[in-house]
Amino acid sequence: MEHRGPLPDIEIPPVALYDLIFAGLTEADAARVAFVHPETGATLTFGEVKQSTDAVATWLAARGIGAGDAVAIDLPNCPEYAAAFHGIARTGAATSPVNPAAVASEIARQLRETKASFVITNQLLLPKVAEAAATAGLAPEAVIVLDPTDPAHTAWAELVATVPDLPEVSIEPATHIACLPFSSGTSGMPKAVMLSHRNLVANLLQFNEVLLPLGEDNSIVAFLPYSHIYGMTTNLNYGLFRRFPQYTMSSFAPHAFLEIIAKYRPTILFVVPPVAAFLAKHPGVTTVSWDSVRLIVSGAAPLDGPVGEAIQSRLNTRVVQGYGMTELSPVTHVIPLDRRDIDLSTIGLAVPNVRFRVVDPESGVDVDVPAEGQSEPGELWCTGPNAMLGYLGVPRDADAVLDADGWVHTGDLVTVDAEGVVRIVDRIKELIKRRGFQVAPAELEALLCSHPAVADAGVLGLASTIAGEQIPHALVQLREGAEVGGHELTHWLAGQVASYKRLGGVTFVEKVPRSAAGKILRRELPKLLPLSS
């Protein structure tokens, strides 16, 4: 049984992402402020963003960058990110966004797998980016730095000073890759998700239909990382598309965030559950006026309904929850702004052009939906013009997430009612969600098993004190005669992964349970934990 949302499907124009955002830029729009970076005072107008975008595209094209190539961006949120992202896309190449929290080995793997020709970064991140670039076989001049001190690297200023002479590029929006974000799918090591121009264009337009009631005069606080598909679509690209100013933050810092609210009076906030909890409970929140904020959207992990209700009551603003997945560009479901009767702990209704199913994971049959109340749980499957092309370098028949009929198997266990309101009840996939990011147990397990004292390892997520969050915990089987402490092992792993992937603890076990085929029996892992865990 296929389900749809209440809004009618919309036409998705066959245009490249650059054209959707910049082709209709008027003289009046060009003069408006697009980005403010309060940390430095830097600002860019929409016209300056386009000028820089065209200059970056010209510079890259002159060096042979085009269709089939990739360029990585390893930057925190900043005004320059827009020209980097869209300059790359305008050449016909794909942008590969790198999480600024990634360590050198993670960055190097991403550069190798995407075959990135250049990587754009800043001076603060340069040490690990330069190390990763060298490991991946890139020359020092292939590292482009916003504020370089070493002449061996290329200065960003050289790119944006280029006189625009845009290359002629033939882009087929439905098949031409625009972006290669990394995702672990429903399990395993992170993989490059192939998102086409049509995928990204479609999702902007789909999501826009839900937010149209907000009107034209809006602005966004952009602290969600642009490197994550949530921040990329709903902040970076949506703000550009709608001509909404964005106040960029390199990371969420409570005091700086509250100063932005007080000084710039934004209207839209996109948050994750930990920030939602801050808004609901922190005493400092009441020290500033919130009367400018019209909407708060929570995503990336399940929001506790009472937390959303507390924010609405405390700040006198509308809160809605949405749902998405990197493989879906990402937004598929949102609570409509005018539907205050829908429980905030649900993810609401499907956006236009999205079809979804709720499938029994054991039988593969769609669950029955009762006339009243919620259905039995099933896995959420989604499809639409926002569904990915697949994973880079992974054969379609080997992909357990995108099936032959174009359905993306999300790995989330949900219920649905007769109206199509969806509620997430559990995860059947192995991924651990922390700080809005995915943590793949298989990645941590492989690293742990590379330690000389470790014979085998299994990783699971334990509940955090923050609703909807989990913390990775390792069950470790030592090699015979080997000795290593849990703290020592945790510290060793922390040096090899981004901070959100770090272990919260280690439990040593006699044996990690595996099937006859060698797969970890994940349902057995919690039984090996001490009762205090």
Protein backbone atom coordinates (compact mmCIF):
# COMPACT_ATOMS: atom_id res chain seq x y z
CA MET A 1 0.00 0.00 0.00
CA GLU A 2 1.46 3.34 -1.08
CA HIS A 3 0.87 6.48 0.98
CA ARG A 4 1.13 10.14 0.01
CA GLY A 5 0.87 13.44 1.81
CA PRO A 6 -2.04 15.90 1.53
CA LEU A 7 -0.28 18.45 -0.67
CA PRO A 8 -0.55 17.90 -4.44
CA ASP A 9 2.50 16.88 -6.42
CA ILE A 10 4.43 19.72 -8.05
CA GLU A 11 6.28 19.97 -11.33
CA ILE A 12 10.04 19.57 -10.98
CA PRO A 13 11.70 21.65 -13.69
CA PRO A 14 14.53 19.95 -15.64
CA VAL A 15 17.20 22.45 -14.57
CA ALA A 16 20.62 22.31 -12.96
CA LEU A 17 20.92 23.41 -9.33
CA TYR A 18 22.88 26.53 -10.32
CA ASP A 19 20.11 27.63 -12.67
CA LEU A 20 17.38 27.10 -10.08
CA ILE A 21 19.21 29.33 -7.60
CA PHE A 22 20.91 31.97 -9.74
CA ALA A 23 19.18 32.20 -13.13
CA GLY A 24 16.38 34.42 -11.81
CA LEU A 25 18.58 36.69 -9.67
CA THR A 26 17.23 40.22 -10.05
CA GLU A 27 19.14 43.44 -9.53
CA ALA A 28 17.22 44.04 -6.33
CA ASP A 29 17.94 40.53 -5.03
CA ALA A 30 21.62 40.86 -5.93
CA ALA A 31 21.91 43.84 -3.59
CA ARG A 32 20.40 42.01 -0.62
CA VAL A 33 22.53 40.44 2.11
CA ALA A 34 22.84 36.67 1.70
CA PHE A 35 25.31 35.79 4.46
CA VAL A 36 26.50 37.33 7.69
CA HIS A 37 29.22 35.60 9.71
CA PRO A 38 28.96 37.21 13.16
CA GLU A 39 32.19 35.59 14.35
CA THR A 40 34.22 37.67 11.87
CA GLY A 41 31.78 40.32 10.70
CA ALA A 42 32.08 39.08 7.10
CA THR A 43 29.06 39.62 4.85
CA LEU A 44 28.15 38.73 1.27
CA THR A 45 25.27 39.89 -0.88
CA PHE A 46 23.48 37.52 -3.23
CA GLY A 47 25.19 39.29 -6.11
CA GLU A 48 28.59 38.75 -4.52
CA VAL A 49 27.78 35.09 -3.97
CA LYS A 50 26.98 34.67 -7.67
CA GLN A 51 30.07 36.62 -8.73
CA SER A 52 32.29 34.42 -6.52
CA THR A 53 30.50 31.27 -7.67
CA ASP A 54 31.14 32.14 -11.32
CA ALA A 55 34.76 32.99 -10.59
CA VAL A 56 35.33 29.65 -8.80
CA ALA A 57 33.69 27.74 -11.64
CA THR A 58 35.88 29.55 -14.19
CA TRP A 59 39.07 28.84 -12.23
CA LEU A 60 38.27 25.15 -11.79
CA ALA A 61 37.18 24.69 -15.41
CA ALA A 62 40.46 26.25 -16.59
CA ARG A 63 42.22 23.44 -14.73
CA GLY A 64 40.19 20.74 -16.42
CA ILE A 65 37.54 20.20 -13.75
CA GLY A 66 34.21 19.11 -15.21
CA ALA A 67 31.75 16.24 -15.54
CA GLY A 68 32.96 13.09 -13.81
CA ASP A 69 35.29 14.96 -11.44
CA ALA A 70 34.91 15.70 -7.75
CA VAL A 71 36.14 18.50 -5.50
CA ALA A 72 35.99 18.23 -1.70
CA ILE A 73 35.05 20.99 0.74
CA ASP A 74 36.26 20.72 4.34
CA LEU A 75 35.03 23.93 5.93
CA PRO A 76 32.86 24.94 8.87
CA ASN A 77 29.87 27.10 8.01
CA CYS A 78 31.01 30.41 6.53
CA PRO A 79 29.90 32.71 3.70
CA GLU A 80 32.56 31.29 1.33
CA TYR A 81 30.97 27.84 1.46
CA ALA A 82 28.23 28.86 -1.00
CA ALA A 83 30.61 29.88 -3.79
CA ALA A 84 32.72 26.78 -3.21
CA PHE A 85 29.73 24.43 -3.39
CA HIS A 86 27.98 26.03 -6.34
CA GLY A 87 31.16 26.89 -8.21
CA ILE A 88 32.04 23.21 -8.24
CA ALA A 89 28.53 22.20 -9.31
CA ARG A 90 28.52 24.82 -12.09
CA THR A 91 31.54 23.14 -13.74
CA GLY A 92 29.60 19.87 -13.95
CA ALA A 93 31.75 18.30 -11.23
CA ALA A 94 30.42 16.92 -7.94
CA THR A 95 30.94 18.51 -4.54
CA SER A 96 32.07 16.12 -1.82
CA PRO A 97 31.36 17.79 1.56
CA VAL A 98 33.65 16.69 4.41
CA ASN A 99 32.59 16.86 8.03
CA PRO A 100 34.97 19.39 9.69
CA ALA A 101 35.13 17.04 12.69
CA ALA A 102 36.69 14.27 10.57
CA VAL A 103 40.27 13.27 11.30
CA ALA A 104 43.00 12.92 8.68
CA SER A 105 42.47 9.22 7.99
CA GLU A 106 38.72 9.76 7.45
CA ILE A 107 39.35 12.71 5.14
CA ALA A 108 41.93 10.74 3.14
CA ARG A 109 39.49 7.87 2.65
CA GLN A 110 36.85 10.28 1.35
CA LEU A 111 39.31 11.95 -1.03
CA ARG A 112 40.42 8.58 -2.38
CA GLU A 113 36.93 7.15 -2.81
CA THR A 114 35.59 10.21 -4.64
CA LYS A 115 38.86 10.71 -6.55
CA ALA A 116 38.74 14.38 -5.58
CA SER A 117 41.06 16.60 -7.60
CA PHE A 118 41.09 19.50 -5.12
CA VAL A 119 40.06 20.11 -1.51
CA ILE A 120 38.98 23.49 -0.13
CA THR A 121 39.66 24.24 3.54
CA ASN A 122 40.81 26.93 5.98
CA GLN A 123 43.94 27.51 8.03
CA LEU A 124 42.50 25.99 11.21
CA LEU A 125 41.71 22.67 9.51
CA LEU A 126 44.74 22.72 7.23
CA PRO A 127 47.09 20.45 9.24
CA LYS A 128 44.82 17.41 9.04
CA VAL A 129 43.54 18.26 5.54
CA ALA A 130 47.09 18.63 4.19
CA GLU A 131 48.03 15.30 5.78
CA ALA A 132 44.96 13.65 4.26
CA ALA A 133 45.60 15.19 0.84
CA ALA A 134 49.18 13.92 0.82
CA THR A 135 47.99 10.45 1.85
CA ALA A 136 45.45 10.52 -0.99
CA GLY A 137 48.14 11.52 -3.50
CA LEU A 138 47.19 15.17 -3.99
CA ALA A 139 49.89 17.79 -4.52
CA PRO A 140 50.12 20.69 -2.02
CA GLU A 141 48.72 23.14 -4.60
CA ALA A 142 45.57 20.98 -4.84
CA VAL A 143 44.75 22.14 -1.32
CA ILE A 144 42.91 25.47 -1.58
CA VAL A 145 43.00 27.49 1.63
CA LEU A 146 40.79 30.43 2.59
CA ASP A 147 43.52 32.18 4.58
CA PRO A 148 46.83 30.52 3.63
CA THR A 149 50.17 31.18 5.29
CA ASP A 150 52.07 28.60 3.23
CA PRO A 151 52.65 29.54 -0.44
CA ALA A 152 52.76 25.83 -1.33
CA HIS A 153 48.97 25.81 -1.11
CA THR A 154 46.56 27.64 -3.40
CA ALA A 155 44.89 30.75 -2.00
CA TRP A 156 41.09 30.97 -2.16
CA ALA A 157 41.57 34.64 -3.05
CA GLU A 158 43.10 33.52 -6.36
CA LEU A 159 39.90 31.68 -7.26
CA VAL A 160 37.46 34.47 -6.41
CA ALA A 161 39.63 37.06 -8.18
CA THR A 162 39.26 35.17 -11.46
CA VAL A 163 37.34 37.05 -14.15
CA PRO A 164 34.21 34.95 -14.78
CA ASP A 165 34.08 33.19 -18.13
CA LEU A 166 31.71 30.34 -17.46
CA PRO A 167 32.36 27.05 -19.23
CA GLU A 168 29.78 25.54 -21.54
CA VAL A 169 28.51 22.50 -19.67
CA SER A 170 25.83 20.04 -20.70
CA ILE A 171 24.04 18.82 -17.58
CA GLU A 172 21.30 16.21 -17.65
CA PRO A 173 19.68 17.00 -14.26
CA ALA A 174 18.22 13.51 -13.70
CA THR A 175 21.53 11.67 -14.05
CA HIS A 176 24.29 14.23 -13.54
CA ILE A 177 25.82 14.00 -10.04
CA ALA A 178 25.89 17.30 -8.15
CA CYS A 179 26.91 16.14 -4.69
CA LEU A 180 28.64 13.18 -3.02
CA PRO A 181 27.86 13.33 0.71
CA PHE A 182 28.90 10.32 2.77
CA SER A 183 26.41 8.07 4.55
CA SER A 184 26.48 4.64 6.11
CA GLY A 185 23.08 3.77 4.64
CA THR A 186 21.55 1.32 7.08
CA SER A 187 24.82 -0.36 8.09
CA GLY A 188 28.46 -0.71 7.20
CA MET A 189 31.19 1.78 6.35
CA PRO A 190 30.29 5.28 5.09
CA LYS A 191 29.75 5.43 1.32
CA ALA A 192 29.44 8.29 -1.17
CA VAL A 193 25.77 8.95 -1.95
CA MET A 194 25.21 10.00 -5.56
CA LEU A 195 22.76 12.91 -5.53
CA SER A 196 21.83 14.37 -8.90
CA HIS A 197 20.94 17.95 -9.74
CA ARG A 198 17.33 16.81 -10.01
CA ASN A 199 17.48 15.24 -6.55
CA LEU A 200 18.61 18.50 -4.94
CA VAL A 201 16.36 20.74 -7.04
CA ALA A 202 13.36 18.52 -6.31
CA ASN A 203 13.88 18.47 -2.57
CA LEU A 204 14.21 22.24 -2.34
CA LEU A 205 10.91 22.63 -4.16
CA GLN A 206 9.20 19.83 -2.19
CA PHE A 207 10.27 21.27 1.15
CA ASN A 208 9.36 24.77 0.01
CA GLU A 209 5.72 23.77 -0.44
CA VAL A 210 5.49 23.10 3.31
CA LEU A 211 7.14 26.40 4.26
CA LEU A 212 5.25 28.66 1.82
CA PRO A 213 2.83 29.88 4.54
CA LEU A 214 5.78 31.69 6.20
CA GLY A 215 5.89 34.25 3.38
CA GLU A 216 8.87 36.05 1.88
CA ASP A 217 10.55 38.05 4.62
CA ASN A 218 12.57 35.44 6.50
CA SER A 219 16.07 34.75 7.75
CA ILE A 220 17.92 31.70 9.10
CA VAL A 221 20.50 30.98 11.81
CA ALA A 222 22.78 28.49 10.06
CA PHE A 223 24.61 26.45 12.69
CA LEU A 224 23.71 23.03 11.27
CA PRO A 225 26.85 22.05 9.35
CA TYR A 226 26.61 22.67 5.62
CA SER A 227 28.61 19.46 5.23
CA HIS A 228 25.59 17.49 6.50
CA ILE A 229 22.68 17.03 4.08
CA TYR A 230 20.23 18.52 6.61
CA GLY A 231 22.12 21.81 6.86
CA MET A 232 23.06 21.75 3.17
CA THR A 233 19.49 21.54 1.92
CA THR A 234 17.46 23.43 4.53
CA ASN A 235 19.99 26.16 5.32
CA LEU A 236 22.64 26.70 2.62
CA ASN A 237 20.63 25.95 -0.50
CA TYR A 238 17.15 26.80 0.74
CA GLY A 239 18.31 30.18 2.00
CA LEU A 240 19.94 30.92 -1.35
CA PHE A 241 16.89 29.73 -3.27
CA ARG A 242 14.42 31.81 -1.25
CA ARG A 243 16.78 34.84 -0.90
CA PHE A 244 16.73 34.52 2.89
CA PRO A 245 19.75 35.96 4.77
CA GLN A 246 21.74 33.39 6.74
CA TYR A 247 23.65 34.07 9.95
CA THR A 248 26.39 31.47 9.88
CA MET A 249 27.96 29.82 12.91
CA SER A 250 31.01 27.57 12.62
CA SER A 251 29.41 25.45 15.35
CA PHE A 252 26.60 25.78 17.87
CA ALA A 253 27.70 27.87 20.85
CA PRO A 254 24.86 28.82 23.25
CA HIS A 255 26.01 32.33 24.15
CA ALA A 256 26.84 33.29 20.55
CA PHE A 257 23.57 31.76 19.37
CA LEU A 258 21.53 33.83 21.82
CA GLU A 259 23.42 36.97 20.78
CA ILE A 260 22.43 36.31 17.15
CA ILE A 261 18.80 35.89 18.16
CA ALA A 262 18.88 39.20 20.04
CA LYS A 263 20.83 41.21 17.44
CA TYR A 264 19.66 39.89 14.07
CA ARG A 265 16.13 38.73 14.95
CA PRO A 266 15.94 35.68 12.64
CA THR A 267 12.62 34.06 11.77
CA ILE A 268 13.46 30.38 11.12
CA LEU A 269 15.55 27.93 13.13
CA PHE A 270 16.48 24.43 11.98
CA VAL A 271 17.60 22.41 15.00
CA VAL A 272 18.50 18.94 16.22
CA PRO A 273 17.10 17.42 19.45
CA PRO A 274 20.03 18.50 21.70
CA VAL A 275 19.47 22.12 20.65
CA ALA A 276 15.72 21.63 21.10
CA ALA A 277 16.39 20.50 24.67
CA PHE A 278 18.50 23.63 25.20
CA LEU A 279 15.63 25.81 23.97
CA ALA A 280 13.15 24.02 26.21
CA LYS A 281 15.15 24.07 29.45
CA HIS A 282 18.17 26.40 29.55
CA PRO A 283 17.61 29.47 31.77
CA GLY A 284 19.64 31.69 29.43
CA VAL A 285 17.06 31.26 26.68
CA THR A 286 14.63 33.57 28.46
CA THR A 287 17.16 36.45 28.53
CA VAL A 288 16.45 37.37 24.88
CA SER A 289 13.31 38.15 22.90
CA TRP A 290 11.97 35.41 20.62
CA ASP A 291 9.13 37.34 19.03
CA SER A 292 10.86 37.37 15.62
CA VAL A 293 11.07 33.55 15.42
CA ARG A 294 8.11 32.18 13.47
CA LEU A 295 9.16 28.56 13.06
CA ILE A 296 11.49 25.98 14.59
CA VAL A 297 12.03 22.76 12.62
CA SER A 298 13.63 19.77 14.36
CA GLY A 299 15.21 16.91 12.42
CA ALA A 300 18.15 14.45 12.13
CA ALA A 301 16.95 12.40 15.13
CA PRO A 302 13.59 11.82 16.88
CA LEU A 303 12.24 14.76 18.88
CA ASP A 304 10.54 14.09 22.20
CA GLY A 305 7.01 15.51 21.85
CA PRO A 306 6.90 17.14 25.30
CA VAL A 307 10.17 18.97 24.49
CA GLY A 308 8.57 20.43 21.37
CA GLU A 309 5.48 21.42 23.34
CA ALA A 310 7.65 23.07 25.99
CA ILE A 311 9.44 25.16 23.33
CA GLN A 312 6.15 26.27 21.80
CA SER A 313 4.85 27.34 25.20
CA ARG A 314 8.10 28.94 26.36
CA LEU A 315 8.95 30.85 23.18
CA ASN A 316 5.43 31.32 21.79
CA THR A 317 6.46 30.04 18.37
CA ARG A 318 5.56 27.13 16.10
CA VAL A 319 7.59 23.91 16.37
CA VAL A 320 7.38 21.07 13.86
CA GLN A 321 9.30 17.86 13.38
CA GLY A 322 10.58 16.61 10.05
CA TYR A 323 12.28 13.49 8.78
CA GLY A 324 14.91 12.83 6.18
CA MET A 325 17.84 10.72 5.11
CA THR A 326 20.96 11.57 3.10
CA GLU A 327 19.85 9.05 0.48
CA LEU A 328 16.62 11.08 0.05
CA SER A 329 18.25 14.53 -0.33
CA PRO A 330 16.98 14.47 2.57
CA VAL A 331 13.43 15.63 3.44
CA THR A 332 10.48 13.25 3.05
CA HIS A 333 8.11 14.12 5.91
CA VAL A 334 7.23 17.26 7.88
CA ILE A 335 4.36 18.26 10.16
CA PRO A 336 2.41 20.94 8.25
CA LEU A 337 2.60 24.35 9.88
CA ASP A 338 -1.16 24.65 10.27
CA ARG A 339 -1.72 21.17 11.71
CA ARG A 340 -1.46 21.78 15.43
CA ASP A 341 -3.58 18.69 15.98
CA ILE A 342 -0.69 16.45 14.89
CA ASP A 343 1.46 15.15 17.76
CA LEU A 344 4.92 16.79 17.76
CA SER A 345 6.51 13.41 18.48
CA THR A 346 5.48 12.26 14.99
CA ILE A 347 7.28 13.17 11.76
CA GLY A 348 4.03 14.29 10.20
CA LEU A 349 3.00 13.82 6.59
CA ALA A 350 4.88 13.22 3.35
CA VAL A 351 6.00 16.23 1.31
CA PRO A 352 4.76 16.53 -2.30
CA ASN A 353 6.01 13.94 -4.83
CA VAL A 354 7.08 11.51 -2.10
CA ARG A 355 5.42 8.11 -1.97
CA PHE A 356 6.07 5.83 0.97
CA ARG A 357 5.27 2.37 2.24
CA VAL A 358 5.37 0.74 5.66
CA VAL A 359 6.66 -2.81 5.18
CA ASP A 360 6.82 -5.70 7.62
CA PRO A 361 10.58 -6.45 7.78
CA GLU A 362 9.98 -10.16 8.26
CA SER A 363 7.40 -10.85 5.55
CA GLY A 364 8.16 -8.01 3.12
CA VAL A 365 4.41 -7.28 2.97
CA ASP A 366 2.92 -3.82 3.57
CA VAL A 367 1.31 -3.53 6.99
CA ASP A 368 -2.44 -3.03 7.22
CA VAL A 369 -3.56 0.44 8.26
CA PRO A 370 -6.59 0.51 10.57
CA ALA A 371 -9.40 3.02 10.12
CA GLU A 372 -8.56 4.39 13.56
CA GLY A 373 -5.29 4.50 15.46
CA GLN A 374 -1.80 3.49 14.35
CA SER A 375 -0.75 0.51 12.26
CA GLU A 376 1.57 -2.23 13.41
CA PRO A 377 5.24 -1.27 13.03
CA GLY A 378 7.01 -1.70 9.70
CA GLU A 379 10.07 -0.38 7.88
CA LEU A 380 9.63 2.98 6.17
CA TRP A 381 10.32 2.84 2.40
CA CYS A 382 10.31 6.05 0.35
CA THR A 383 10.64 7.01 -3.29
CA GLY A 384 10.32 10.16 -5.38
CA PRO A 385 12.42 12.57 -7.44
CA ASN A 386 14.60 13.15 -4.38
CA ALA A 387 15.69 9.48 -4.12
CA MET A 388 19.42 9.00 -4.72
CA LEU A 389 20.97 7.47 -7.82
CA GLY A 390 22.83 4.96 -5.65
CA TYR A 391 26.21 4.69 -3.91
CA LEU A 392 29.38 5.58 -5.77
CA GLY A 393 31.23 2.43 -6.77
CA VAL A 394 28.59 0.09 -5.35
CA PRO A 395 26.73 -2.08 -7.91
CA ARG A 396 22.98 -1.53 -7.84
CA ASP A 397 22.27 -5.20 -7.16
CA ALA A 398 24.63 -5.11 -4.18
CA ASP A 399 22.83 -2.15 -2.60
CA ALA A 400 20.49 -3.14 0.21
CA VAL A 401 19.13 0.41 0.60
CA LEU A 402 17.91 1.33 -2.90
CA ASP A 403 15.99 -1.53 -4.50
CA ALA A 404 15.39 -2.27 -8.19
CA ASP A 405 12.05 -0.45 -8.14
CA GLY A 406 13.56 2.76 -6.77
CA TRP A 407 12.42 2.41 -3.16
CA VAL A 408 14.85 3.62 -0.49
CA HIS A 409 14.69 1.30 2.54
CA THR A 410 15.28 3.72 5.40
CA GLY A 411 15.94 1.17 8.14
CA ASP A 412 13.57 3.05 10.47
CA LEU A 413 10.68 1.20 12.07
CA VAL A 414 7.50 3.30 11.99
CA THR A 415 3.74 3.19 12.36
CA VAL A 416 1.25 5.06 10.16
CA ASP A 417 -2.39 6.02 10.54
CA ALA A 418 -5.16 6.28 7.96
CA GLU A 419 -4.31 9.93 7.26
CA GLY A 420 -0.65 9.12 6.57
CA VAL A 421 0.81 10.54 9.80
CA VAL A 422 4.03 8.64 10.55
CA ARG A 423 5.58 7.92 13.93
CA ILE A 424 9.10 6.52 14.34
CA VAL A 425 9.14 3.77 16.95
CA ASP A 426 12.58 2.19 16.60
CA ARG A 427 15.54 1.63 14.32
CA ILE A 428 16.04 -1.72 12.66
CA LYS A 429 19.24 -0.54 11.06
CA GLU A 430 22.52 -0.82 12.89
CA LEU A 431 23.39 2.87 12.83
CA ILE A 432 23.84 4.86 16.01
CA LYS A 433 22.54 8.44 15.90
CA ARG A 434 24.63 10.96 17.83
CA ARG A 435 24.52 14.75 17.57
CA GLY A 436 22.46 14.35 14.42
CA PHE A 437 25.19 12.32 12.71
CA GLN A 438 25.38 8.64 11.81
CA VAL A 439 27.84 6.36 13.55
CA ALA A 440 28.34 3.01 11.84
CA PRO A 441 29.23 0.23 14.31
CA ALA A 442 31.10 -1.61 11.54
CA GLU A 443 33.50 1.31 11.14
CA LEU A 444 34.39 1.40 14.85
CA GLU A 445 34.59 -2.39 15.00
CA ALA A 446 37.09 -2.50 12.13
CA LEU A 447 39.27 0.11 13.82
CA LEU A 448 39.12 -1.66 17.18
CA CYS A 449 40.09 -4.96 15.56
CA SER A 450 43.20 -3.29 14.13
CA HIS A 451 44.52 -2.76 17.66
CA PRO A 452 47.17 -5.40 18.44
CA ALA A 453 45.47 -6.41 21.69
CA VAL A 454 41.97 -6.86 20.21
CA ALA A 455 40.76 -10.16 18.76
CA ASP A 456 37.18 -9.06 18.03
CA ALA A 457 34.77 -6.24 18.80
CA GLY A 458 31.09 -5.42 18.64
CA VAL A 459 29.71 -1.90 19.01
CA LEU A 460 26.19 -0.89 20.03
CA GLY A 461 24.48 2.35 21.00
CA LEU A 462 23.51 3.01 24.59
CA ALA A 463 20.90 5.57 25.53
CA SER A 464 22.20 9.03 26.27
CA THR A 465 20.81 11.49 28.80
CA ILE A 466 19.64 13.47 25.74
CA ALA A 467 16.40 12.19 24.24
CA GLY A 468 16.87 10.48 20.89
CA GLU A 469 20.65 10.28 21.30
CA GLN A 470 22.88 7.25 21.72
CA ILE A 471 26.53 6.83 22.69
CA PRO A 472 28.71 4.12 21.09
CA HIS A 473 29.81 1.41 23.50
CA ALA A 474 32.25 -1.35 22.59
CA LEU A 475 32.23 -5.02 23.61
CA VAL A 476 35.83 -6.14 23.18
CA GLN A 477 37.32 -9.63 23.02
CA LEU A 478 41.06 -9.53 23.73
CA ARG A 479 43.67 -11.67 22.08
CA GLU A 480 45.00 -14.47 24.25
CA GLY A 481 47.56 -13.11 26.66
CA ALA A 482 46.97 -9.48 25.64
CA GLU A 483 46.35 -6.72 28.15
CA VAL A 484 44.86 -3.28 27.60
CA GLY A 485 42.62 -1.10 29.73
CA GLY A 486 39.24 0.20 28.66
CA HIS A 487 40.32 3.83 29.10
CA GLU A 488 43.48 3.22 27.09
CA LEU A 489 41.48 1.64 24.25
CA THR A 490 38.91 4.44 24.27
CA HIS A 491 41.67 7.05 24.12
CA TRP A 492 43.44 5.18 21.30
CA LEU A 493 40.28 5.07 19.18
CA ALA A 494 39.46 8.73 19.87
CA GLY A 495 42.57 9.76 17.98
CA GLN A 496 41.32 8.08 14.80
CA VAL A 497 37.71 9.24 14.52
CA ALA A 498 35.62 12.38 14.60
CA SER A 499 34.52 13.41 18.09
CA TYR A 500 30.90 12.26 17.65
CA LYS A 501 32.13 8.72 16.92
CA ARG A 502 34.12 8.35 20.13
CA LEU A 503 33.27 5.55 22.53
CA GLY A 504 31.45 6.21 25.75
CA GLY A 505 32.88 3.06 27.27
CA VAL A 506 34.29 -0.45 26.81
CA THR A 507 33.14 -3.78 28.21
CA PHE A 508 35.53 -6.72 27.90
CA VAL A 509 33.83 -10.00 26.98
CA GLU A 510 34.94 -13.58 26.62
CA LYS A 511 33.62 -13.79 23.06
CA VAL A 512 31.78 -11.51 20.63
CA PRO A 513 28.71 -13.47 19.43
CA ARG A 514 28.74 -14.23 15.70
CA SER A 515 26.62 -16.35 13.38
CA ALA A 516 27.92 -19.36 11.45
CA ALA A 517 28.39 -16.98 8.51
CA GLY A 518 30.56 -14.72 10.65
CA LYS A 519 28.09 -11.86 11.15
CA ILE A 520 27.85 -10.22 14.56
CA LEU A 521 24.65 -11.23 16.33
CA ARG A 522 23.69 -7.69 17.30
CA ARG A 523 20.59 -8.71 19.24
CA GLU A 524 22.86 -10.63 21.58
CA LEU A 525 25.19 -7.72 22.35
CA PRO A 526 23.01 -6.01 25.00
CA LYS A 527 22.88 -9.27 26.97
CA LEU A 528 26.65 -9.07 27.50
CA LEU A 529 26.54 -5.67 29.16
CA PRO A 530 26.83 -5.36 32.94
CA LEU A 531 23.54 -4.40 34.56
CA SER A 532 24.90 -0.94 35.39
CA SER A 533 25.51 -0.05 31.70
